[in-house]
Amino acid sequence: MSEISQDLEQAIHSLVTEGKEPSVALIKSRLTSPLPMPLIIKALQAWKKNAKVPKIEKTTPSLTAEQRITQLEQQVAALSARLAKLESQN
């Protein structure tokens, strides 16, 4: 189970063991790291239906086209400098 799913599962389980009905606000207050509200809502809805928290994984944000172009330009400049240095050694 992913770290996020475990965190949500632990928060819900701790509430249930205390005899409290899990809610979005209570779950959010028990989380060790902040999560977006839609994820908490999704986990709570799934738990209410199946008594299970769905597997939720953290994804890395995608780069915009401009960010990718800038990154590639930097790589090309670095590789060009290395190539020029190698060619000058011969």
PDB file of N, CA and C in Angstrom:
ATOM      1  N   MET A   1       0.849  -1.173   0.000  1.00  0.00           N
ATOM      2  CA  MET A   1       0.000   0.000   0.000  1.00  0.00           C
ATOM      3  C   MET A   1       0.899   1.241   0.000  1.00  0.00           C
ATOM      4  N   SER A   2       0.492   2.255  -0.716  1.00  0.00           N
ATOM      5  CA  SER A   2       1.317   3.457  -0.810  1.00  0.00           C
ATOM      6  C   SER A   2       1.294   4.236   0.503  1.00  0.00           C
ATOM      7  N   GLU A   3       2.245   5.132   0.619  1.00  0.00           N
ATOM      8  CA  GLU A   3       2.364   5.945   1.829  1.00  0.00           C
ATOM      9  C   GLU A   3       1.106   6.780   2.080  1.00  0.00           C
ATOM     10  N   ILE A   4       0.546   7.333   1.031  1.00  0.00           N
ATOM     11  CA  ILE A   4      -0.654   8.162   1.164  1.00  0.00           C
ATOM     12  C   ILE A   4      -1.835   7.312   1.630  1.00  0.00           C
ATOM     13  N   SER A   5      -1.996   6.143   1.008  1.00  0.00           N
ATOM     14  CA  SER A   5      -3.087   5.251   1.395  1.00  0.00           C
ATOM     15  C   SER A   5      -2.935   4.797   2.844  1.00  0.00           C
ATOM     16  N   GLN A   6      -1.708   4.501   3.255  1.00  0.00           N
ATOM     17  CA  GLN A   6      -1.467   4.081   4.638  1.00  0.00           C
ATOM     18  C   GLN A   6      -1.810   5.194   5.612  1.00  0.00           C
ATOM     19  N   ASP A   7      -1.417   6.412   5.271  1.00  0.00           N
ATOM     20  CA  ASP A   7      -1.697   7.557   6.122  1.00  0.00           C
ATOM     21  C   ASP A   7      -3.210   7.741   6.288  1.00  0.00           C
ATOM     22  N   LEU A   8      -3.936   7.645   5.180  1.00  0.00           N
ATOM     23  CA  LEU A   8      -5.398   7.772   5.233  1.00  0.00           C
ATOM     24  C   LEU A   8      -6.015   6.632   6.036  1.00  0.00           C
ATOM     25  N   GLU A   9      -5.523   5.426   5.810  1.00  0.00           N
ATOM     26  CA  GLU A   9      -6.034   4.252   6.525  1.00  0.00           C
ATOM     27  C   GLU A   9      -5.818   4.399   8.031  1.00  0.00           C
ATOM     28  N   GLN A  10      -4.640   4.862   8.424  1.00  0.00           N
ATOM     29  CA  GLN A  10      -4.340   5.041   9.841  1.00  0.00           C
ATOM     30  C   GLN A  10      -5.233   6.105  10.474  1.00  0.00           C
ATOM     31  N   ALA A  11      -5.448   7.193   9.728  1.00  0.00           N
ATOM     32  CA  ALA A  11      -6.299   8.265  10.248  1.00  0.00           C
ATOM     33  C   ALA A  11      -7.724   7.763  10.473  1.00  0.00           C
ATOM     34  N   ILE A  12      -8.256   7.047   9.500  1.00  0.00           N
ATOM     35  CA  ILE A  12      -9.616   6.522   9.619  1.00  0.00           C
ATOM     36  C   ILE A  12      -9.688   5.489  10.741  1.00  0.00           C
ATOM     37  N   HIS A  13      -8.701   4.603  10.786  1.00  0.00           N
ATOM     38  CA  HIS A  13      -8.695   3.553  11.815  1.00  0.00           C
ATOM     39  C   HIS A  13      -8.631   4.159  13.225  1.00  0.00           C
ATOM     40  N   SER A  14      -7.813   5.192  13.400  1.00  0.00           N
ATOM     41  CA  SER A  14      -7.711   5.806  14.732  1.00  0.00           C
ATOM     42  C   SER A  14      -9.032   6.438  15.144  1.00  0.00           C
ATOM     43  N   LEU A  15      -9.750   7.011  14.190  1.00  0.00           N
ATOM     44  CA  LEU A  15     -11.059   7.594  14.502  1.00  0.00           C
ATOM     45  C   LEU A  15     -12.066   6.515  14.881  1.00  0.00           C
ATOM     46  N   VAL A  16     -12.059   5.426  14.130  1.00  0.00           N
ATOM     47  CA  VAL A  16     -13.002   4.338  14.395  1.00  0.00           C
ATOM     48  C   VAL A  16     -12.729   3.712  15.756  1.00  0.00           C
ATOM     49  N   THR A  17     -11.444   3.517  16.088  1.00  0.00           N
ATOM     50  CA  THR A  17     -11.123   2.913  17.384  1.00  0.00           C
ATOM     51  C   THR A  17     -11.529   3.815  18.544  1.00  0.00           C
ATOM     52  N   GLU A  18     -11.611   5.108  18.310  1.00  0.00           N
ATOM     53  CA  GLU A  18     -12.060   6.045  19.342  1.00  0.00           C
ATOM     54  C   GLU A  18     -13.582   6.162  19.361  1.00  0.00           C
ATOM     55  N   GLY A  19     -14.255   5.438  18.466  1.00  0.00           N
ATOM     56  CA  GLY A  19     -15.706   5.468  18.424  1.00  0.00           C
ATOM     57  C   GLY A  19     -16.266   6.671  17.681  1.00  0.00           C
ATOM     58  N   LYS A  20     -15.435   7.344  16.906  1.00  0.00           N
ATOM     59  CA  LYS A  20     -15.890   8.523  16.150  1.00  0.00           C
ATOM     60  C   LYS A  20     -16.208   8.128  14.718  1.00  0.00           C
ATOM     61  N   GLU A  21     -17.190   8.795  14.157  1.00  0.00           N
ATOM     62  CA  GLU A  21     -17.544   8.596  12.755  1.00  0.00           C
ATOM     63  C   GLU A  21     -16.561   9.403  11.899  1.00  0.00           C
ATOM     64  N   PRO A  22     -15.790   8.749  11.017  1.00  0.00           N
ATOM     65  CA  PRO A  22     -14.835   9.485  10.186  1.00  0.00           C
ATOM     66  C   PRO A  22     -15.528  10.515   9.299  1.00  0.00           C
ATOM     67  N   SER A  23     -14.980  11.694   9.251  1.00  0.00           N
ATOM     68  CA  SER A  23     -15.460  12.751   8.363  1.00  0.00           C
ATOM     69  C   SER A  23     -14.223  13.363   7.700  1.00  0.00           C
ATOM     70  N   VAL A  24     -14.449  14.137   6.680  1.00  0.00           N
ATOM     71  CA  VAL A  24     -13.336  14.764   5.967  1.00  0.00           C
ATOM     72  C   VAL A  24     -12.500  15.620   6.915  1.00  0.00           C
ATOM     73  N   ALA A  25     -13.156  16.415   7.734  1.00  0.00           N
ATOM     74  CA  ALA A  25     -12.440  17.303   8.659  1.00  0.00           C
ATOM     75  C   ALA A  25     -11.636  16.512   9.691  1.00  0.00           C
ATOM     76  N   LEU A  26     -12.242  15.461  10.248  1.00  0.00           N
ATOM     77  CA  LEU A  26     -11.538  14.663  11.250  1.00  0.00           C
ATOM     78  C   LEU A  26     -10.353  13.922  10.634  1.00  0.00           C
ATOM     79  N   ILE A  27     -10.552  13.388   9.430  1.00  0.00           N
ATOM     80  CA  ILE A  27      -9.458  12.691   8.761  1.00  0.00           C
ATOM     81  C   ILE A  27      -8.327  13.666   8.468  1.00  0.00           C
ATOM     82  N   LYS A  28      -8.680  14.835   7.945  1.00  0.00           N
ATOM     83  CA  LYS A  28      -7.670  15.848   7.613  1.00  0.00           C
ATOM     84  C   LYS A  28      -6.858  16.230   8.854  1.00  0.00           C
ATOM     85  N   SER A  29      -7.512  16.304   9.998  1.00  0.00           N
ATOM     86  CA  SER A  29      -6.807  16.695  11.227  1.00  0.00           C
ATOM     87  C   SER A  29      -5.854  15.605  11.711  1.00  0.00           C
ATOM     88  N   ARG A  30      -6.078  14.361  11.299  1.00  0.00           N
ATOM     89  CA  ARG A  30      -5.242  13.244  11.745  1.00  0.00           C
ATOM     90  C   ARG A  30      -4.085  12.929  10.790  1.00  0.00           C
ATOM     91  N   LEU A  31      -4.080  13.508   9.607  1.00  0.00           N
ATOM     92  CA  LEU A  31      -3.046  13.191   8.622  1.00  0.00           C
ATOM     93  C   LEU A  31      -1.699  13.770   9.034  1.00  0.00           C
ATOM     94  N   THR A  32      -0.640  13.021   8.740  1.00  0.00           N
ATOM     95  CA  THR A  32       0.709  13.492   9.066  1.00  0.00           C
ATOM     96  C   THR A  32       1.224  14.493   8.042  1.00  0.00           C
ATOM     97  N   SER A  33       0.715  14.425   6.821  1.00  0.00           N
ATOM     98  CA  SER A  33       1.091  15.404   5.795  1.00  0.00           C
ATOM     99  C   SER A  33      -0.179  15.864   5.088  1.00  0.00           C
ATOM    100  N   PRO A  34      -0.214  17.108   4.653  1.00  0.00           N
ATOM    101  CA  PRO A  34      -1.439  17.625   4.022  1.00  0.00           C
ATOM    102  C   PRO A  34      -1.738  16.927   2.695  1.00  0.00           C
ATOM    103  N   LEU A  35      -3.001  16.700   2.454  1.00  0.00           N
ATOM    104  CA  LEU A  35      -3.460  16.094   1.205  1.00  0.00           C
ATOM    105  C   LEU A  35      -4.589  16.938   0.634  1.00  0.00           C
ATOM    106  N   PRO A  36      -4.756  16.915  -0.685  1.00  0.00           N
ATOM    107  CA  PRO A  36      -5.869  17.651  -1.288  1.00  0.00           C
ATOM    108  C   PRO A  36      -7.215  17.078  -0.830  1.00  0.00           C
ATOM    109  N   MET A  37      -8.170  17.944  -0.658  1.00  0.00           N
ATOM    110  CA  MET A  37      -9.498  17.552  -0.189  1.00  0.00           C
ATOM    111  C   MET A  37     -10.143  16.469  -1.067  1.00  0.00           C
ATOM    112  N   PRO A  38     -10.028  16.562  -2.410  1.00  0.00           N
ATOM    113  CA  PRO A  38     -10.651  15.516  -3.227  1.00  0.00           C
ATOM    114  C   PRO A  38     -10.127  14.109  -2.914  1.00  0.00           C
ATOM    115  N   LEU A  39      -8.856  13.984  -2.563  1.00  0.00           N
ATOM    116  CA  LEU A  39      -8.312  12.672  -2.206  1.00  0.00           C
ATOM    117  C   LEU A  39      -8.906  12.164  -0.903  1.00  0.00           C
ATOM    118  N   ILE A  40      -9.047  13.059   0.060  1.00  0.00           N
ATOM    119  CA  ILE A  40      -9.626  12.677   1.346  1.00  0.00           C
ATOM    120  C   ILE A  40     -11.081  12.260   1.157  1.00  0.00           C
ATOM    121  N   ILE A  41     -11.814  13.017   0.356  1.00  0.00           N
ATOM    122  CA  ILE A  41     -13.219  12.704   0.085  1.00  0.00           C
ATOM    123  C   ILE A  41     -13.332  11.353  -0.609  1.00  0.00           C
ATOM    124  N   LYS A  42     -12.487  11.109  -1.602  1.00  0.00           N
ATOM    125  CA  LYS A  42     -12.494   9.834  -2.330  1.00  0.00           C
ATOM    126  C   LYS A  42     -12.217   8.672  -1.384  1.00  0.00           C
ATOM    127  N   ALA A  43     -11.223   8.840  -0.527  1.00  0.00           N
ATOM    128  CA  ALA A  43     -10.869   7.777   0.424  1.00  0.00           C
ATOM    129  C   ALA A  43     -12.017   7.518   1.398  1.00  0.00           C
ATOM    130  N   LEU A  44     -12.638   8.569   1.891  1.00  0.00           N
ATOM    131  CA  LEU A  44     -13.750   8.417   2.837  1.00  0.00           C
ATOM    132  C   LEU A  44     -14.941   7.723   2.173  1.00  0.00           C
ATOM    133  N   GLN A  45     -15.257   8.112   0.949  1.00  0.00           N
ATOM    134  CA  GLN A  45     -16.375   7.485   0.233  1.00  0.00           C
ATOM    135  C   GLN A  45     -16.101   6.001   0.005  1.00  0.00           C
ATOM    136  N   ALA A  46     -14.871   5.677  -0.396  1.00  0.00           N
ATOM    137  CA  ALA A  46     -14.517   4.271  -0.625  1.00  0.00           C
ATOM    138  C   ALA A  46     -14.563   3.489   0.684  1.00  0.00           C
ATOM    139  N   TRP A  47     -14.095   4.098   1.754  1.00  0.00           N
ATOM    140  CA  TRP A  47     -14.111   3.420   3.050  1.00  0.00           C
ATOM    141  C   TRP A  47     -15.545   3.150   3.512  1.00  0.00           C
ATOM    142  N   LYS A  48     -16.427   4.113   3.288  1.00  0.00           N
ATOM    143  CA  LYS A  48     -17.823   3.926   3.692  1.00  0.00           C
ATOM    144  C   LYS A  48     -18.494   2.808   2.897  1.00  0.00           C
ATOM    145  N   LYS A  49     -18.110   2.630   1.625  1.00  0.00           N
ATOM    146  CA  LYS A  49     -18.700   1.588   0.789  1.00  0.00           C
ATOM    147  C   LYS A  49     -18.097   0.216   1.086  1.00  0.00           C
ATOM    148  N   ASN A  50     -16.777   0.139   1.183  1.00  0.00           N
ATOM    149  CA  ASN A  50     -16.090  -1.152   1.247  1.00  0.00           C
ATOM    150  C   ASN A  50     -15.300  -1.379   2.527  1.00  0.00           C
ATOM    151  N   ALA A  51     -15.251  -0.417   3.396  1.00  0.00           N
ATOM    152  CA  ALA A  51     -14.391  -0.465   4.584  1.00  0.00           C
ATOM    153  C   ALA A  51     -12.929  -0.618   4.181  1.00  0.00           C
ATOM    154  N   LYS A  52     -12.583  -0.061   3.016  1.00  0.00           N
ATOM    155  CA  LYS A  52     -11.212  -0.082   2.514  1.00  0.00           C
ATOM    156  C   LYS A  52     -10.872   1.277   1.924  1.00  0.00           C
ATOM    157  N   VAL A  53      -9.606   1.647   2.060  1.00  0.00           N
ATOM    158  CA  VAL A  53      -9.130   2.876   1.432  1.00  0.00           C
ATOM    159  C   VAL A  53      -8.500   2.488   0.101  1.00  0.00           C
ATOM    160  N   PRO A  54      -8.857   3.156  -0.997  1.00  0.00           N
ATOM    161  CA  PRO A  54      -8.274   2.802  -2.284  1.00  0.00           C
ATOM    162  C   PRO A  54      -6.786   3.142  -2.323  1.00  0.00           C
ATOM    163  N   LYS A  55      -6.075   2.478  -3.209  1.00  0.00           N
ATOM    164  CA  LYS A  55      -4.647   2.759  -3.368  1.00  0.00           C
ATOM    165  C   LYS A  55      -4.497   4.110  -4.059  1.00  0.00           C
ATOM    166  N   ILE A  56      -3.816   5.017  -3.386  1.00  0.00           N
ATOM    167  CA  ILE A  56      -3.597   6.356  -3.918  1.00  0.00           C
ATOM    168  C   ILE A  56      -2.104   6.584  -3.965  1.00  0.00           C
ATOM    169  N   GLU A  57      -1.602   6.955  -5.129  1.00  0.00           N
ATOM    170  CA  GLU A  57      -0.171   7.171  -5.290  1.00  0.00           C
ATOM    171  C   GLU A  57       0.114   8.623  -5.625  1.00  0.00           C
ATOM    172  N   LYS A  58       1.260   9.047  -5.186  1.00  0.00           N
ATOM    173  CA  LYS A  58       1.704  10.409  -5.477  1.00  0.00           C
ATOM    174  C   LYS A  58       2.338  10.421  -6.859  1.00  0.00           C
ATOM    175  N   THR A  59       1.951  11.380  -7.673  1.00  0.00           N
ATOM    176  CA  THR A  59       2.539  11.515  -8.997  1.00  0.00           C
ATOM    177  C   THR A  59       3.358  12.791  -9.058  1.00  0.00           C
ATOM    178  N   THR A  60       4.335  12.760  -9.915  1.00  0.00           N
ATOM    179  CA  THR A  60       5.137  13.965 -10.085  1.00  0.00           C
ATOM    180  C   THR A  60       4.432  14.865 -11.086  1.00  0.00           C
ATOM    181  N   PRO A  61       4.427  16.154 -10.829  1.00  0.00           N
ATOM    182  CA  PRO A  61       3.744  17.061 -11.749  1.00  0.00           C
ATOM    183  C   PRO A  61       4.448  17.091 -13.102  1.00  0.00           C
ATOM    184  N   SER A  62       3.654  17.153 -14.158  1.00  0.00           N
ATOM    185  CA  SER A  62       4.207  17.217 -15.502  1.00  0.00           C
ATOM    186  C   SER A  62       4.770  18.607 -15.783  1.00  0.00           C
ATOM    187  N   LEU A  63       5.827  18.627 -16.556  1.00  0.00           N
ATOM    188  CA  LEU A  63       6.416  19.905 -16.932  1.00  0.00           C
ATOM    189  C   LEU A  63       5.645  20.483 -18.107  1.00  0.00           C
ATOM    190  N   THR A  64       5.580  21.795 -18.158  1.00  0.00           N
ATOM    191  CA  THR A  64       4.956  22.442 -19.308  1.00  0.00           C
ATOM    192  C   THR A  64       5.927  22.350 -20.479  1.00  0.00           C
ATOM    193  N   ALA A  65       5.423  22.624 -21.660  1.00  0.00           N
ATOM    194  CA  ALA A  65       6.272  22.575 -22.852  1.00  0.00           C
ATOM    195  C   ALA A  65       7.444  23.557 -22.729  1.00  0.00           C
ATOM    196  N   GLU A  66       7.173  24.729 -22.192  1.00  0.00           N
ATOM    197  CA  GLU A  66       8.231  25.726 -22.040  1.00  0.00           C
ATOM    198  C   GLU A  66       9.302  25.261 -21.063  1.00  0.00           C
ATOM    199  N   GLN A  67       8.876  24.633 -19.974  1.00  0.00           N
ATOM    200  CA  GLN A  67       9.838  24.127 -18.996  1.00  0.00           C
ATOM    201  C   GLN A  67      10.689  23.017 -19.597  1.00  0.00           C
ATOM    202  N   ARG A  68      10.061  22.144 -20.369  1.00  0.00           N
ATOM    203  CA  ARG A  68      10.801  21.058 -21.019  1.00  0.00           C
ATOM    204  C   ARG A  68      11.795  21.616 -22.028  1.00  0.00           C
ATOM    205  N   ILE A  69      11.383  22.612 -22.806  1.00  0.00           N
ATOM    206  CA  ILE A  69      12.281  23.210 -23.795  1.00  0.00           C
ATOM    207  C   ILE A  69      13.473  23.849 -23.101  1.00  0.00           C
ATOM    208  N   THR A  70      13.236  24.581 -22.028  1.00  0.00           N
ATOM    209  CA  THR A  70      14.319  25.212 -21.271  1.00  0.00           C
ATOM    210  C   THR A  70      15.278  24.156 -20.740  1.00  0.00           C
ATOM    211  N   GLN A  71      14.738  23.087 -20.195  1.00  0.00           N
ATOM    212  CA  GLN A  71      15.564  22.008 -19.663  1.00  0.00           C
ATOM    213  C   GLN A  71      16.402  21.367 -20.771  1.00  0.00           C
ATOM    214  N   LEU A  72      15.793  21.123 -21.914  1.00  0.00           N
ATOM    215  CA  LEU A  72      16.514  20.526 -23.033  1.00  0.00           C
ATOM    216  C   LEU A  72      17.586  21.464 -23.574  1.00  0.00           C
ATOM    217  N   GLU A  73      17.290  22.755 -23.630  1.00  0.00           N
ATOM    218  CA  GLU A  73      18.288  23.726 -24.094  1.00  0.00           C
ATOM    219  C   GLU A  73      19.501  23.740 -23.169  1.00  0.00           C
ATOM    220  N   GLN A  74      19.263  23.632 -21.869  1.00  0.00           N
ATOM    221  CA  GLN A  74      20.371  23.589 -20.914  1.00  0.00           C
ATOM    222  C   GLN A  74      21.210  22.331 -21.111  1.00  0.00           C
ATOM    223  N   GLN A  75      20.560  21.212 -21.364  1.00  0.00           N
ATOM    224  CA  GLN A  75      21.282  19.969 -21.605  1.00  0.00           C
ATOM    225  C   GLN A  75      22.111  20.056 -22.883  1.00  0.00           C
ATOM    226  N   VAL A  76      21.537  20.622 -23.933  1.00  0.00           N
ATOM    227  CA  VAL A  76      22.264  20.769 -25.194  1.00  0.00           C
ATOM    228  C   VAL A  76      23.474  21.676 -25.003  1.00  0.00           C
ATOM    229  N   ALA A  77      23.316  22.761 -24.264  1.00  0.00           N
ATOM    230  CA  ALA A  77      24.439  23.671 -24.020  1.00  0.00           C
ATOM    231  C   ALA A  77      25.537  22.970 -23.231  1.00  0.00           C
ATOM    232  N   ALA A  78      25.171  22.198 -22.228  1.00  0.00           N
ATOM    233  CA  ALA A  78      26.165  21.486 -21.426  1.00  0.00           C
ATOM    234  C   ALA A  78      26.881  20.432 -22.264  1.00  0.00           C
ATOM    235  N   LEU A  79      26.141  19.701 -23.074  1.00  0.00           N
ATOM    236  CA  LEU A  79      26.750  18.679 -23.924  1.00  0.00           C
ATOM    237  C   LEU A  79      27.626  19.304 -25.005  1.00  0.00           C
ATOM    238  N   SER A  80      27.221  20.431 -25.551  1.00  0.00           N
ATOM    239  CA  SER A  80      28.028  21.130 -26.554  1.00  0.00           C
ATOM    240  C   SER A  80      29.342  21.593 -25.947  1.00  0.00           C
ATOM    241  N   ALA A  81      29.292  22.093 -24.725  1.00  0.00           N
ATOM    242  CA  ALA A  81      30.524  22.533 -24.048  1.00  0.00           C
ATOM    243  C   ALA A  81      31.449  21.348 -23.796  1.00  0.00           C
ATOM    244  N   ARG A  82      30.900  20.220 -23.381  1.00  0.00           N
ATOM    245  CA  ARG A  82      31.724  19.026 -23.153  1.00  0.00           C
ATOM    246  C   ARG A  82      32.336  18.531 -24.454  1.00  0.00           C
ATOM    247  N   LEU A  83      31.555  18.552 -25.526  1.00  0.00           N
ATOM    248  CA  LEU A  83      32.048  18.114 -26.829  1.00  0.00           C
ATOM    249  C   LEU A  83      33.164  19.028 -27.304  1.00  0.00           C
ATOM    250  N   ALA A  84      32.993  20.333 -27.159  1.00  0.00           N
ATOM    251  CA  ALA A  84      34.027  21.283 -27.572  1.00  0.00           C
ATOM    252  C   ALA A  84      35.309  21.058 -26.764  1.00  0.00           C
ATOM    253  N   LYS A  85      35.170  20.780 -25.493  1.00  0.00           N
ATOM    254  CA  LYS A  85      36.345  20.524 -24.641  1.00  0.00           C
ATOM    255  C   LYS A  85      37.063  19.262 -25.086  1.00  0.00           C
ATOM    256  N   LEU A  86      36.295  18.202 -25.387  1.00  0.00           N
ATOM    257  CA  LEU A  86      36.907  16.951 -25.856  1.00  0.00           C
ATOM    258  C   LEU A  86      37.591  17.143 -27.197  1.00  0.00           C
ATOM    259  N   GLU A  87      36.976  17.890 -28.102  1.00  0.00           N
ATOM    260  CA  GLU A  87      37.573  18.121 -29.425  1.00  0.00           C
ATOM    261  C   GLU A  87      38.846  18.942 -29.323  1.00  0.00           C
ATOM    262  N   SER A  88      38.921  19.843 -28.366  1.00  0.00           N
ATOM    263  CA  SER A  88      40.121  20.676 -28.207  1.00  0.00           C
ATOM    264  C   SER A  88      41.280  19.893 -27.619  1.00  0.00           C
ATOM    265  N   GLN A  89      40.981  18.789 -26.943  1.00  0.00           N
ATOM    266  CA  GLN A  89      42.046  17.969 -26.353  1.00  0.00           C
ATOM    267  C   GLN A  89      42.776  17.149 -27.412  1.00  0.00           C
ATOM    268  N   ASN A  90      42.153  16.866 -28.535  1.00  0.00           N
ATOM    269  CA  ASN A  90      42.779  16.054 -29.588  1.00  0.00           C
ATOM    270  C   ASN A  90      43.616  16.861 -30.505  1.00  0.00           C
TER     271      ASN A  90
END
